[in-house]
């Protein structure tokens, strides 16, 4: 968890720093400075348009993290209430409608949803957020419902129902606090998947558009020079791997730390 937290904080810090400062303007093309090797002025060199690679990676971190963060927020904000609602209405037609709706969304991967949205509204980071966010909704709905169902059978929930509390109030006051740890871990995992999804969508031209920097766009631009200038693809590729690895390690560590069953050790 510590290694994951350090990696995640490193990339998050670079993204926050890019809000106020980057070494060079990534929107400015300087053909005379194209493909320069690492130097004090350009620590990671420049690309085929003369843009500073370090600045591109910093702004790409901001784009990827912003897209994934908002997409996870959409999944949490819509999926968790739906999952709690389905758990409270277990065995009824409402439960069936919610879960079959989730199955319908799962039938269309986020890339297909992004293509559909792009065909109507055009490619952009906002449409990538919608595509990834829509796909996150059934994920959180299933997790919330699966975790909430056993809680509805516990004695203190039965006592709350006898006391006259409605299902909505029980879900908010008793069920949700007891599944928050699981939702945090799932959010961390979906965040890493959102980073990958944003990079994939930008790679095929459906995500952030120039001059906005994106790790996936950097990979797409470098693919024709992979043998002559491999660093143009290696640097954003390693950045994506590092960010996703950090988030996955952080998620696994949080799961082990927050789940009391995993903290138990034999004497």
C-alpha atoms as a PDB file:
ATOM      1  CA  UNK A   1       0.000   0.000   0.000  1.00  0.00           C
ATOM      2  CA  UNK A   2       2.884   2.349   0.788  1.00  0.00           C
ATOM      3  CA  UNK A   3       4.502   1.777  -2.619  1.00  0.00           C
ATOM      4  CA  UNK A   4       1.153   2.320  -4.324  1.00  0.00           C
ATOM      5  CA  UNK A   5       0.504   5.471  -2.330  1.00  0.00           C
ATOM      6  CA  UNK A   6       3.938   6.882  -3.234  1.00  0.00           C
ATOM      7  CA  UNK A   7       3.493   6.172  -6.962  1.00  0.00           C
ATOM      8  CA  UNK A   8      -0.026   7.597  -6.966  1.00  0.00           C
ATOM      9  CA  UNK A   9       1.048  10.695  -5.046  1.00  0.00           C
ATOM     10  CA  UNK A  10       3.941  11.233  -7.466  1.00  0.00           C
ATOM     11  CA  UNK A  11       1.688  11.344 -10.521  1.00  0.00           C
ATOM     12  CA  UNK A  12      -1.060  13.247  -8.725  1.00  0.00           C
ATOM     13  CA  UNK A  13       1.512  15.808  -7.610  1.00  0.00           C
ATOM     14  CA  UNK A  14       2.749  16.213 -11.194  1.00  0.00           C
ATOM     15  CA  UNK A  15      -0.832  16.734 -12.351  1.00  0.00           C
ATOM     16  CA  UNK A  16      -1.487  19.355  -9.668  1.00  0.00           C
ATOM     17  CA  UNK A  17       1.787  21.107 -10.427  1.00  0.00           C
ATOM     18  CA  UNK A  18       0.839  21.297 -14.108  1.00  0.00           C
ATOM     19  CA  UNK A  19      -2.142  23.442 -13.146  1.00  0.00           C
ATOM     20  CA  UNK A  20       0.200  26.299 -12.215  1.00  0.00           C
ATOM     21  CA  UNK A  21       3.509  25.512 -13.915  1.00  0.00           C
ATOM     22  CA  UNK A  22       5.078  23.387 -16.647  1.00  0.00           C
ATOM     23  CA  UNK A  23       8.606  23.779 -18.013  1.00  0.00           C
ATOM     24  CA  UNK A  24       7.380  24.582 -21.539  1.00  0.00           C
ATOM     25  CA  UNK A  25       4.131  25.382 -23.322  1.00  0.00           C
ATOM     26  CA  UNK A  26       2.903  22.133 -24.922  1.00  0.00           C
ATOM     27  CA  UNK A  27       0.670  24.031 -27.363  1.00  0.00           C
ATOM     28  CA  UNK A  28       3.702  25.716 -28.930  1.00  0.00           C
ATOM     29  CA  UNK A  29       5.367  23.822 -31.779  1.00  0.00           C
ATOM     30  CA  UNK A  30       9.097  24.317 -32.360  1.00  0.00           C
ATOM     31  CA  UNK A  31      10.181  22.265 -35.365  1.00  0.00           C
ATOM     32  CA  UNK A  32      13.743  23.547 -35.022  1.00  0.00           C
ATOM     33  CA  UNK A  33      13.944  21.824 -31.628  1.00  0.00           C
ATOM     34  CA  UNK A  34      12.409  18.502 -32.720  1.00  0.00           C
ATOM     35  CA  UNK A  35      13.749  15.211 -31.368  1.00  0.00           C
ATOM     36  CA  UNK A  36      16.330  16.788 -29.096  1.00  0.00           C
ATOM     37  CA  UNK A  37      18.062  14.442 -26.609  1.00  0.00           C
ATOM     38  CA  UNK A  38      17.730  14.996 -22.854  1.00  0.00           C
ATOM     39  CA  UNK A  39      19.350  18.220 -21.700  1.00  0.00           C
ATOM     40  CA  UNK A  40      19.032  20.710 -18.825  1.00  0.00           C
ATOM     41  CA  UNK A  41      16.456  22.649 -20.874  1.00  0.00           C
ATOM     42  CA  UNK A  42      14.542  19.476 -21.799  1.00  0.00           C
ATOM     43  CA  UNK A  43      15.205  16.759 -19.166  1.00  0.00           C
ATOM     44  CA  UNK A  44      13.358  14.097 -21.191  1.00  0.00           C
ATOM     45  CA  UNK A  45      14.048  15.517 -24.641  1.00  0.00           C
ATOM     46  CA  UNK A  46      11.505  16.736 -27.201  1.00  0.00           C
ATOM     47  CA  UNK A  47       9.097  15.014 -29.569  1.00  0.00           C
ATOM     48  CA  UNK A  48       8.809  15.247 -33.360  1.00  0.00           C
ATOM     49  CA  UNK A  49       6.964  18.562 -33.040  1.00  0.00           C
ATOM     50  CA  UNK A  50       9.579  20.098 -30.753  1.00  0.00           C
ATOM     51  CA  UNK A  51       7.372  19.865 -27.661  1.00  0.00           C
ATOM     52  CA  UNK A  52       8.983  19.204 -24.292  1.00  0.00           C
ATOM     53  CA  UNK A  53       8.309  15.591 -23.254  1.00  0.00           C
ATOM     54  CA  UNK A  54       8.329  16.316 -19.516  1.00  0.00           C
ATOM     55  CA  UNK A  55       5.712  19.039 -19.973  1.00  0.00           C
ATOM     56  CA  UNK A  56       3.613  16.703 -22.132  1.00  0.00           C
ATOM     57  CA  UNK A  57       3.741  13.977 -19.487  1.00  0.00           C
ATOM     58  CA  UNK A  58       2.790  16.409 -16.719  1.00  0.00           C
ATOM     59  CA  UNK A  59      -0.193  17.789 -18.602  1.00  0.00           C
ATOM     60  CA  UNK A  60      -1.115  14.293 -19.752  1.00  0.00           C
ATOM     61  CA  UNK A  61      -1.268  13.236 -16.105  1.00  0.00           C
ATOM     62  CA  UNK A  62      -3.710  16.068 -15.445  1.00  0.00           C
ATOM     63  CA  UNK A  63      -5.919  15.000 -18.353  1.00  0.00           C
ATOM     64  CA  UNK A  64      -5.927  11.301 -17.473  1.00  0.00           C
ATOM     65  CA  UNK A  65      -6.529  11.836 -13.759  1.00  0.00           C
ATOM     66  CA  UNK A  66      -9.295  14.386 -14.360  1.00  0.00           C
ATOM     67  CA  UNK A  67     -11.132  12.120 -16.814  1.00  0.00           C
ATOM     68  CA  UNK A  68     -10.814   9.033 -14.596  1.00  0.00           C
ATOM     69  CA  UNK A  69     -11.754  10.933 -11.433  1.00  0.00           C
ATOM     70  CA  UNK A  70     -14.943  12.412 -12.878  1.00  0.00           C
ATOM     71  CA  UNK A  71     -15.871   9.078 -14.470  1.00  0.00           C
ATOM     72  CA  UNK A  72     -15.492   7.295 -11.118  1.00  0.00           C
ATOM     73  CA  UNK A  73     -17.556  10.057  -9.504  1.00  0.00           C
ATOM     74  CA  UNK A  74     -20.345   9.379 -12.009  1.00  0.00           C
ATOM     75  CA  UNK A  75     -20.207   5.684 -11.226  1.00  0.00           C
ATOM     76  CA  UNK A  76     -20.305   6.285  -7.485  1.00  0.00           C
ATOM     77  CA  UNK A  77     -22.985   8.964  -7.627  1.00  0.00           C
ATOM     78  CA  UNK A  78     -25.390   6.923  -9.739  1.00  0.00           C
ATOM     79  CA  UNK A  79     -24.347   3.308  -9.275  1.00  0.00           C
ATOM     80  CA  UNK A  80     -24.261   3.166  -5.468  1.00  0.00           C
ATOM     81  CA  UNK A  81     -27.824   4.539  -4.989  1.00  0.00           C
ATOM     82  CA  UNK A  82     -29.094   2.106  -7.618  1.00  0.00           C
ATOM     83  CA  UNK A  83     -27.348  -0.797  -5.895  1.00  0.00           C
ATOM     84  CA  UNK A  84     -28.710   0.183  -2.488  1.00  0.00           C
ATOM     85  CA  UNK A  85     -32.173   0.596  -3.984  1.00  0.00           C
ATOM     86  CA  UNK A  86     -31.996  -2.850  -5.600  1.00  0.00           C
ATOM     87  CA  UNK A  87     -30.817  -4.445  -2.333  1.00  0.00           C
ATOM     88  CA  UNK A  88     -33.648  -2.809  -0.393  1.00  0.00           C
ATOM     89  CA  UNK A  89     -36.135  -4.091  -2.989  1.00  0.00           C
ATOM     90  CA  UNK A  90     -34.635  -7.568  -3.272  1.00  0.00           C
ATOM     91  CA  UNK A  91     -36.869 -10.060  -5.038  1.00  0.00           C
ATOM     92  CA  UNK A  92     -39.228  -7.453  -6.470  1.00  0.00           C
ATOM     93  CA  UNK A  93     -39.713  -6.249 -10.031  1.00  0.00           C
ATOM     94  CA  UNK A  94     -37.722  -3.121  -9.206  1.00  0.00           C
ATOM     95  CA  UNK A  95     -34.669  -5.200  -8.324  1.00  0.00           C
ATOM     96  CA  UNK A  96     -35.022  -7.089 -11.598  1.00  0.00           C
ATOM     97  CA  UNK A  97     -35.347  -3.887 -13.631  1.00  0.00           C
ATOM     98  CA  UNK A  98     -32.231  -2.328 -12.077  1.00  0.00           C
ATOM     99  CA  UNK A  99     -30.074  -5.416 -12.463  1.00  0.00           C
ATOM    100  CA  UNK A 100     -31.230  -6.174 -16.024  1.00  0.00           C
ATOM    101  CA  UNK A 101     -30.482  -2.561 -16.884  1.00  0.00           C
ATOM    102  CA  UNK A 102     -26.975  -3.111 -15.542  1.00  0.00           C
ATOM    103  CA  UNK A 103     -26.638  -6.213 -17.701  1.00  0.00           C
ATOM    104  CA  UNK A 104     -27.671  -4.175 -20.727  1.00  0.00           C
ATOM    105  CA  UNK A 105     -24.926  -1.613 -20.124  1.00  0.00           C
ATOM    106  CA  UNK A 106     -22.375  -4.387 -19.554  1.00  0.00           C
ATOM    107  CA  UNK A 107     -23.256  -5.741 -23.002  1.00  0.00           C
ATOM    108  CA  UNK A 108     -21.623  -2.648 -24.551  1.00  0.00           C
ATOM    109  CA  UNK A 109     -17.958  -2.056 -23.589  1.00  0.00           C
ATOM    110  CA  UNK A 110     -16.860   1.479 -22.824  1.00  0.00           C
ATOM    111  CA  UNK A 111     -15.084   1.756 -26.198  1.00  0.00           C
ATOM    112  CA  UNK A 112     -18.304   0.910 -28.056  1.00  0.00           C
ATOM    113  CA  UNK A 113     -20.240   3.407 -25.944  1.00  0.00           C
ATOM    114  CA  UNK A 114     -17.563   6.011 -26.674  1.00  0.00           C
ATOM    115  CA  UNK A 115     -17.878   5.372 -30.404  1.00  0.00           C
ATOM    116  CA  UNK A 116     -21.641   5.820 -30.205  1.00  0.00           C
ATOM    117  CA  UNK A 117     -21.331   9.046 -28.220  1.00  0.00           C
ATOM    118  CA  UNK A 118     -18.599  10.346 -30.519  1.00  0.00           C
ATOM    119  CA  UNK A 119     -20.695   9.635 -33.601  1.00  0.00           C
ATOM    120  CA  UNK A 120     -23.373  11.940 -32.194  1.00  0.00           C
ATOM    121  CA  UNK A 121     -21.423  14.648 -30.353  1.00  0.00           C
ATOM    122  CA  UNK A 122     -17.872  14.366 -31.719  1.00  0.00           C
ATOM    123  CA  UNK A 123     -14.624  13.283 -30.010  1.00  0.00           C
ATOM    124  CA  UNK A 124     -13.624  15.108 -26.828  1.00  0.00           C
ATOM    125  CA  UNK A 125     -12.510  14.524 -23.250  1.00  0.00           C
ATOM    126  CA  UNK A 126     -16.066  15.196 -22.047  1.00  0.00           C
ATOM    127  CA  UNK A 127     -17.432  12.388 -24.209  1.00  0.00           C
ATOM    128  CA  UNK A 128     -14.690  10.074 -22.934  1.00  0.00           C
ATOM    129  CA  UNK A 129     -15.796  10.909 -19.386  1.00  0.00           C
ATOM    130  CA  UNK A 130     -19.403  10.063 -20.271  1.00  0.00           C
ATOM    131  CA  UNK A 131     -18.429   6.762 -21.868  1.00  0.00           C
ATOM    132  CA  UNK A 132     -16.240   5.633 -18.963  1.00  0.00           C
ATOM    133  CA  UNK A 133     -18.678   6.986 -16.371  1.00  0.00           C
ATOM    134  CA  UNK A 134     -21.657   5.171 -17.900  1.00  0.00           C
ATOM    135  CA  UNK A 135     -19.701   1.919 -17.818  1.00  0.00           C
ATOM    136  CA  UNK A 136     -18.818   2.499 -14.140  1.00  0.00           C
ATOM    137  CA  UNK A 137     -22.464   2.783 -13.078  1.00  0.00           C
ATOM    138  CA  UNK A 138     -23.321  -0.947 -13.262  1.00  0.00           C
ATOM    139  CA  UNK A 139     -19.980  -1.847 -11.653  1.00  0.00           C
ATOM    140  CA  UNK A 140     -20.726   0.146  -8.514  1.00  0.00           C
ATOM    141  CA  UNK A 141     -24.388  -0.886  -8.574  1.00  0.00           C
ATOM    142  CA  UNK A 142     -23.437  -4.561  -8.495  1.00  0.00           C
ATOM    143  CA  UNK A 143     -20.820  -4.066  -5.787  1.00  0.00           C
ATOM    144  CA  UNK A 144     -23.190  -2.007  -3.625  1.00  0.00           C
ATOM    145  CA  UNK A 145     -26.052  -4.472  -4.036  1.00  0.00           C
ATOM    146  CA  UNK A 146     -23.893  -7.525  -3.369  1.00  0.00           C
ATOM    147  CA  UNK A 147     -22.393  -5.990  -0.232  1.00  0.00           C
ATOM    148  CA  UNK A 148     -25.714  -4.619   1.033  1.00  0.00           C
ATOM    149  CA  UNK A 149     -27.764  -7.814   0.752  1.00  0.00           C
ATOM    150  CA  UNK A 150     -26.130  -9.623   3.742  1.00  0.00           C
ATOM    151  CA  UNK A 151     -26.452  -6.509   5.892  1.00  0.00           C
ATOM    152  CA  UNK A 152     -30.227  -6.453   5.415  1.00  0.00           C
ATOM    153  CA  UNK A 153     -30.409  -9.786   7.268  1.00  0.00           C
ATOM    154  CA  UNK A 154     -28.547  -8.581  10.376  1.00  0.00           C
ATOM    155  CA  UNK A 155     -30.271  -8.016  13.701  1.00  0.00           C
ATOM    156  CA  UNK A 156     -29.656  -4.274  13.985  1.00  0.00           C
ATOM    157  CA  UNK A 157     -31.262  -3.717  10.580  1.00  0.00           C
ATOM    158  CA  UNK A 158     -34.244  -5.788  11.707  1.00  0.00           C
ATOM    159  CA  UNK A 159     -34.422  -3.645  14.852  1.00  0.00           C
ATOM    160  CA  UNK A 160     -34.373  -0.487  12.731  1.00  0.00           C
ATOM    161  CA  UNK A 161     -37.271  -1.776  10.646  1.00  0.00           C
ATOM    162  CA  UNK A 162     -39.232  -2.639  13.779  1.00  0.00           C
ATOM    163  CA  UNK A 163     -38.533   0.893  15.036  1.00  0.00           C
ATOM    164  CA  UNK A 164     -40.362   2.237  12.003  1.00  0.00           C
ATOM    165  CA  UNK A 165     -37.453   3.377   9.830  1.00  0.00           C
ATOM    166  CA  UNK A 166     -38.061   3.260   6.107  1.00  0.00           C
ATOM    167  CA  UNK A 167     -35.852   1.436   3.624  1.00  0.00           C
ATOM    168  CA  UNK A 168     -34.273   4.630   2.330  1.00  0.00           C
ATOM    169  CA  UNK A 169     -33.302   5.747   5.824  1.00  0.00           C
ATOM    170  CA  UNK A 170     -31.953   2.305   6.735  1.00  0.00           C
ATOM    171  CA  UNK A 171     -29.893   2.231   3.545  1.00  0.00           C
ATOM    172  CA  UNK A 172     -28.419   5.629   4.338  1.00  0.00           C
ATOM    173  CA  UNK A 173     -27.852   5.265   8.089  1.00  0.00           C
ATOM    174  CA  UNK A 174     -27.036   1.578   8.490  1.00  0.00           C
ATOM    175  CA  UNK A 175     -26.183  -0.091   5.184  1.00  0.00           C
ATOM    176  CA  UNK A 176     -24.062   2.518   3.412  1.00  0.00           C
ATOM    177  CA  UNK A 177     -21.614   3.133   6.317  1.00  0.00           C
ATOM    178  CA  UNK A 178     -20.935  -0.596   6.489  1.00  0.00           C
ATOM    179  CA  UNK A 179     -20.053  -0.956   2.815  1.00  0.00           C
ATOM    180  CA  UNK A 180     -18.056   2.271   2.457  1.00  0.00           C
ATOM    181  CA  UNK A 181     -14.718   0.472   2.835  1.00  0.00           C
ATOM    182  CA  UNK A 182     -15.551  -1.870  -0.030  1.00  0.00           C
ATOM    183  CA  UNK A 183     -16.687   1.037  -2.200  1.00  0.00           C
ATOM    184  CA  UNK A 184     -13.421   2.894  -1.555  1.00  0.00           C
ATOM    185  CA  UNK A 185     -11.400  -0.106  -2.687  1.00  0.00           C
ATOM    186  CA  UNK A 186     -13.584  -0.556  -5.772  1.00  0.00           C
ATOM    187  CA  UNK A 187     -13.269   3.149  -6.577  1.00  0.00           C
ATOM    188  CA  UNK A 188      -9.479   2.825  -6.501  1.00  0.00           C
ATOM    189  CA  UNK A 189      -9.628  -0.111  -8.907  1.00  0.00           C
ATOM    190  CA  UNK A 190     -12.048   1.677 -11.243  1.00  0.00           C
ATOM    191  CA  UNK A 191      -9.816   4.737 -11.118  1.00  0.00           C
ATOM    192  CA  UNK A 192      -6.910   2.706 -12.501  1.00  0.00           C
ATOM    193  CA  UNK A 193      -9.171   1.204 -15.163  1.00  0.00           C
ATOM    194  CA  UNK A 194     -10.349   4.721 -16.000  1.00  0.00           C
ATOM    195  CA  UNK A 195      -6.731   5.753 -16.623  1.00  0.00           C
ATOM    196  CA  UNK A 196      -6.345   2.851 -19.042  1.00  0.00           C
ATOM    197  CA  UNK A 197      -9.683   3.568 -20.716  1.00  0.00           C
ATOM    198  CA  UNK A 198      -8.832   7.244 -21.205  1.00  0.00           C
ATOM    199  CA  UNK A 199      -5.474   6.325 -22.738  1.00  0.00           C
ATOM    200  CA  UNK A 200      -7.151   3.803 -25.049  1.00  0.00           C
ATOM    201  CA  UNK A 201      -9.823   6.259 -26.172  1.00  0.00           C
ATOM    202  CA  UNK A 202      -7.250   8.995 -26.795  1.00  0.00           C
ATOM    203  CA  UNK A 203      -5.079   6.511 -28.673  1.00  0.00           C
ATOM    204  CA  UNK A 204      -7.847   5.839 -31.197  1.00  0.00           C
ATOM    205  CA  UNK A 205      -8.743   9.525 -31.392  1.00  0.00           C
ATOM    206  CA  UNK A 206     -11.917   9.479 -29.290  1.00  0.00           C
ATOM    207  CA  UNK A 207     -10.553  11.164 -26.164  1.00  0.00           C
ATOM    208  CA  UNK A 208      -8.830  14.471 -25.516  1.00  0.00           C
ATOM    209  CA  UNK A 209      -8.095  16.392 -28.701  1.00  0.00           C
ATOM    210  CA  UNK A 210      -5.002  18.470 -29.551  1.00  0.00           C
ATOM    211  CA  UNK A 211      -3.582  20.705 -28.236  1.00  0.00           C
ATOM    212  CA  UNK A 212      -4.643  19.052 -24.960  1.00  0.00           C
ATOM    213  CA  UNK A 213      -1.909  16.624 -23.909  1.00  0.00           C
ATOM    214  CA  UNK A 214      -2.828  12.993 -23.309  1.00  0.00           C
ATOM    215  CA  UNK A 215      -0.742   9.889 -22.682  1.00  0.00           C
ATOM    216  CA  UNK A 216      -2.777   7.881 -25.175  1.00  0.00           C
ATOM    217  CA  UNK A 217      -2.410  10.592 -27.820  1.00  0.00           C
ATOM    218  CA  UNK A 218       1.368  10.608 -27.222  1.00  0.00           C
ATOM    219  CA  UNK A 219       1.463   6.867 -27.891  1.00  0.00           C
ATOM    220  CA  UNK A 220      -0.576   7.278 -31.065  1.00  0.00           C
ATOM    221  CA  UNK A 221       1.720  10.042 -32.342  1.00  0.00           C
ATOM    222  CA  UNK A 222       4.825   7.949 -31.611  1.00  0.00           C
ATOM    223  CA  UNK A 223       3.750   4.674 -33.198  1.00  0.00           C
ATOM    224  CA  UNK A 224       5.215   5.486 -36.602  1.00  0.00           C
ATOM    225  CA  UNK A 225       8.627   6.196 -35.031  1.00  0.00           C
ATOM    226  CA  UNK A 226       8.780   3.312 -32.595  1.00  0.00           C
ATOM    227  CA  UNK A 227      12.000   1.951 -34.176  1.00  0.00           C
ATOM    228  CA  UNK A 228      13.797   5.233 -34.819  1.00  0.00           C
ATOM    229  CA  UNK A 229      12.735   7.201 -31.721  1.00  0.00           C
ATOM    230  CA  UNK A 230      11.533   4.577 -29.197  1.00  0.00           C
ATOM    231  CA  UNK A 231      11.632   6.983 -26.243  1.00  0.00           C
ATOM    232  CA  UNK A 232       8.590   8.820 -27.625  1.00  0.00           C
ATOM    233  CA  UNK A 233       6.493   5.701 -26.962  1.00  0.00           C
ATOM    234  CA  UNK A 234       8.419   4.264 -24.010  1.00  0.00           C
ATOM    235  CA  UNK A 235       8.050   7.345 -21.807  1.00  0.00           C
ATOM    236  CA  UNK A 236       4.224   7.656 -21.947  1.00  0.00           C
ATOM    237  CA  UNK A 237       3.924   3.866 -21.868  1.00  0.00           C
ATOM    238  CA  UNK A 238       5.958   3.604 -18.673  1.00  0.00           C
ATOM    239  CA  UNK A 239       3.992   6.506 -17.209  1.00  0.00           C
ATOM    240  CA  UNK A 240       0.694   4.708 -17.810  1.00  0.00           C
ATOM    241  CA  UNK A 241       2.116   1.496 -16.336  1.00  0.00           C
ATOM    242  CA  UNK A 242       3.424   3.335 -13.269  1.00  0.00           C
ATOM    243  CA  UNK A 243       0.141   5.116 -12.607  1.00  0.00           C
ATOM    244  CA  UNK A 244      -1.993   1.990 -13.019  1.00  0.00           C
ATOM    245  CA  UNK A 245       0.428  -0.116 -10.980  1.00  0.00           C
ATOM    246  CA  UNK A 246       0.418   2.439  -8.179  1.00  0.00           C
ATOM    247  CA  UNK A 247      -3.369   2.554  -8.052  1.00  0.00           C
ATOM    248  CA  UNK A 248      -3.677  -1.241  -8.104  1.00  0.00           C
ATOM    249  CA  UNK A 249      -1.142  -1.629  -5.296  1.00  0.00           C
ATOM    250  CA  UNK A 250      -2.930   1.070  -3.334  1.00  0.00           C
ATOM    251  CA  UNK A 251      -6.277  -0.651  -3.882  1.00  0.00           C
ATOM    252  CA  UNK A 252      -4.922  -4.031  -2.770  1.00  0.00           C
ATOM    253  CA  UNK A 253      -3.334  -2.453   0.282  1.00  0.00           C
ATOM    254  CA  UNK A 254      -6.522  -0.650   1.220  1.00  0.00           C
ATOM    255  CA  UNK A 255      -8.490  -3.872   0.855  1.00  0.00           C
ATOM    256  CA  UNK A 256      -6.111  -5.709   3.183  1.00  0.00           C
ATOM    257  CA  UNK A 257      -6.121  -2.825   5.657  1.00  0.00           C
ATOM    258  CA  UNK A 258      -9.838  -2.068   5.691  1.00  0.00           C
ATOM    259  CA  UNK A 259     -11.203  -5.633   5.632  1.00  0.00           C
ATOM    260  CA  UNK A 260     -11.008  -7.023   9.204  1.00  0.00           C
ATOM    261  CA  UNK A 261     -11.177 -10.591   7.895  1.00  0.00           C
ATOM    262  CA  UNK A 262      -7.911 -10.086   6.007  1.00  0.00           C
ATOM    263  CA  UNK A 263      -6.246  -8.494   9.028  1.00  0.00           C
ATOM    264  CA  UNK A 264      -6.732 -11.560  11.178  1.00  0.00           C
ATOM    265  CA  UNK A 265      -3.597 -13.586  11.741  1.00  0.00           C
ATOM    266  CA  UNK A 266      -3.262 -16.976  13.257  1.00  0.00           C
ATOM    267  CA  UNK A 267      -1.658 -16.953  16.750  1.00  0.00           C
END
